[in-house]
Amino acid sequence: MDEGILALLLVPLFLFLTFVAPIWLILHYRSKKQVSQGLSAEEFATINELAEKAEKMSDRIKTLEAILDSEAPQWRDRA
């Protein structure tokens, strides 16, 4: 009886260590390598574009706040 249980435990363990673990390790270290290489040129360009849009949006918000300050000075108290 104990040999049957041992066999039931060893077979999946053997299959895991033979097939799953090596593939898992390869994929893990491949993703680590990609992360350590940094951003690609396309990712860097996208980040720069987003930063420019954020800066423009910040300028627009400042302009809108200035308009609201002059036309409705108490607008900040409503929030």
C-alpha atoms as a PDB file:
ATOM      1  CA  MET A   1       0.000   0.000   0.000  1.00  0.00           C
ATOM      2  CA  ASP A   2       2.803   2.420   0.872  1.00  0.00           C
ATOM      3  CA  GLU A   3       4.527   1.704  -2.442  1.00  0.00           C
ATOM      4  CA  GLY A   4       1.362   2.702  -4.342  1.00  0.00           C
ATOM      5  CA  ILE A   5       1.144   6.027  -2.519  1.00  0.00           C
ATOM      6  CA  LEU A   6       4.848   6.630  -3.039  1.00  0.00           C
ATOM      7  CA  ALA A   7       4.449   5.920  -6.766  1.00  0.00           C
ATOM      8  CA  LEU A   8       1.476   8.296  -6.944  1.00  0.00           C
ATOM      9  CA  LEU A   9       3.656  11.045  -5.459  1.00  0.00           C
ATOM     10  CA  LEU A  10       6.842  10.327  -7.374  1.00  0.00           C
ATOM     11  CA  VAL A  11       5.358  10.181 -10.879  1.00  0.00           C
ATOM     12  CA  PRO A  12       3.850  13.702 -10.818  1.00  0.00           C
ATOM     13  CA  LEU A  13       6.973  15.023  -9.093  1.00  0.00           C
ATOM     14  CA  PHE A  14       9.165  13.448 -11.758  1.00  0.00           C
ATOM     15  CA  LEU A  15       6.997  14.861 -14.566  1.00  0.00           C
ATOM     16  CA  PHE A  16       7.024  18.304 -12.960  1.00  0.00           C
ATOM     17  CA  LEU A  17      10.802  18.343 -12.533  1.00  0.00           C
ATOM     18  CA  THR A  18      11.393  16.966 -16.024  1.00  0.00           C
ATOM     19  CA  PHE A  19       9.034  19.123 -18.076  1.00  0.00           C
ATOM     20  CA  VAL A  20       7.420  21.971 -16.182  1.00  0.00           C
ATOM     21  CA  ALA A  21      10.284  23.251 -14.017  1.00  0.00           C
ATOM     22  CA  PRO A  22      12.813  23.764 -16.854  1.00  0.00           C
ATOM     23  CA  ILE A  23      10.277  25.591 -19.041  1.00  0.00           C
ATOM     24  CA  TRP A  24       9.208  27.662 -16.051  1.00  0.00           C
ATOM     25  CA  LEU A  25      12.813  28.641 -15.283  1.00  0.00           C
ATOM     26  CA  ILE A  26      13.584  29.504 -18.897  1.00  0.00           C
ATOM     27  CA  LEU A  27      10.525  31.743 -19.197  1.00  0.00           C
ATOM     28  CA  HIS A  28      11.202  33.339 -15.810  1.00  0.00           C
ATOM     29  CA  TYR A  29      14.771  34.317 -16.596  1.00  0.00           C
ATOM     30  CA  ARG A  30      13.860  35.428 -20.121  1.00  0.00           C
ATOM     31  CA  SER A  31      11.323  37.875 -18.679  1.00  0.00           C
ATOM     32  CA  LYS A  32      13.877  39.057 -16.099  1.00  0.00           C
ATOM     33  CA  LYS A  33      16.339  39.740 -18.943  1.00  0.00           C
ATOM     34  CA  GLN A  34      13.770  41.746 -20.896  1.00  0.00           C
ATOM     35  CA  VAL A  35      12.956  43.866 -17.842  1.00  0.00           C
ATOM     36  CA  SER A  36      16.627  44.542 -17.118  1.00  0.00           C
ATOM     37  CA  GLN A  37      17.290  45.666 -20.689  1.00  0.00           C
ATOM     38  CA  GLY A  38      15.132  48.725 -20.138  1.00  0.00           C
ATOM     39  CA  LEU A  39      12.653  50.393 -22.417  1.00  0.00           C
ATOM     40  CA  SER A  40      12.492  49.859 -26.139  1.00  0.00           C
ATOM     41  CA  ALA A  41      12.604  52.857 -28.459  1.00  0.00           C
ATOM     42  CA  GLU A  42       8.856  52.599 -29.045  1.00  0.00           C
ATOM     43  CA  GLU A  43       8.110  52.498 -25.305  1.00  0.00           C
ATOM     44  CA  PHE A  44      10.399  55.467 -24.709  1.00  0.00           C
ATOM     45  CA  ALA A  45       8.665  57.447 -27.476  1.00  0.00           C
ATOM     46  CA  THR A  46       5.265  56.604 -26.003  1.00  0.00           C
ATOM     47  CA  ILE A  47       6.340  57.756 -22.554  1.00  0.00           C
ATOM     48  CA  ASN A  48       7.678  61.021 -23.985  1.00  0.00           C
ATOM     49  CA  GLU A  49       4.427  61.581 -25.862  1.00  0.00           C
ATOM     50  CA  LEU A  50       2.405  60.955 -22.704  1.00  0.00           C
ATOM     51  CA  ALA A  51       4.628  63.332 -20.733  1.00  0.00           C
ATOM     52  CA  GLU A  52       4.075  66.069 -23.336  1.00  0.00           C
ATOM     53  CA  LYS A  53       0.308  65.529 -23.227  1.00  0.00           C
ATOM     54  CA  ALA A  54       0.361  65.672 -19.429  1.00  0.00           C
ATOM     55  CA  GLU A  55       2.283  68.957 -19.537  1.00  0.00           C
ATOM     56  CA  LYS A  56      -0.215  70.457 -22.012  1.00  0.00           C
ATOM     57  CA  MET A  57      -3.084  69.282 -19.846  1.00  0.00           C
ATOM     58  CA  SER A  58      -1.473  70.862 -16.792  1.00  0.00           C
ATOM     59  CA  ASP A  59      -1.154  74.175 -18.659  1.00  0.00           C
ATOM     60  CA  ARG A  60      -4.809  73.989 -19.694  1.00  0.00           C
ATOM     61  CA  ILE A  61      -5.899  73.296 -16.125  1.00  0.00           C
ATOM     62  CA  LYS A  62      -3.918  76.291 -14.885  1.00  0.00           C
ATOM     63  CA  THR A  63      -5.554  78.470 -17.542  1.00  0.00           C
ATOM     64  CA  LEU A  64      -9.025  77.230 -16.638  1.00  0.00           C
ATOM     65  CA  GLU A  65      -8.351  77.810 -12.946  1.00  0.00           C
ATOM     66  CA  ALA A  66      -7.189  81.359 -13.698  1.00  0.00           C
ATOM     67  CA  ILE A  67     -10.386  82.019 -15.689  1.00  0.00           C
ATOM     68  CA  LEU A  68     -12.529  80.609 -12.891  1.00  0.00           C
ATOM     69  CA  ASP A  69     -10.609  82.634 -10.286  1.00  0.00           C
ATOM     70  CA  SER A  70     -11.360  85.847 -12.166  1.00  0.00           C
ATOM     71  CA  GLU A  71     -14.996  85.075 -13.039  1.00  0.00           C
ATOM     72  CA  ALA A  72     -16.129  83.121  -9.959  1.00  0.00           C
ATOM     73  CA  PRO A  73     -13.705  83.701  -7.076  1.00  0.00           C
ATOM     74  CA  GLN A  74     -15.589  81.363  -4.708  1.00  0.00           C
ATOM     75  CA  TRP A  75     -15.504  78.317  -7.014  1.00  0.00           C
ATOM     76  CA  ARG A  76     -12.881  76.537  -4.924  1.00  0.00           C
ATOM     77  CA  ASP A  77     -15.069  76.712  -1.804  1.00  0.00           C
ATOM     78  CA  ARG A  78     -17.814  74.680  -3.516  1.00  0.00           C
ATOM     79  CA  ALA A  79     -15.628  71.592  -3.757  1.00  0.00           C
END
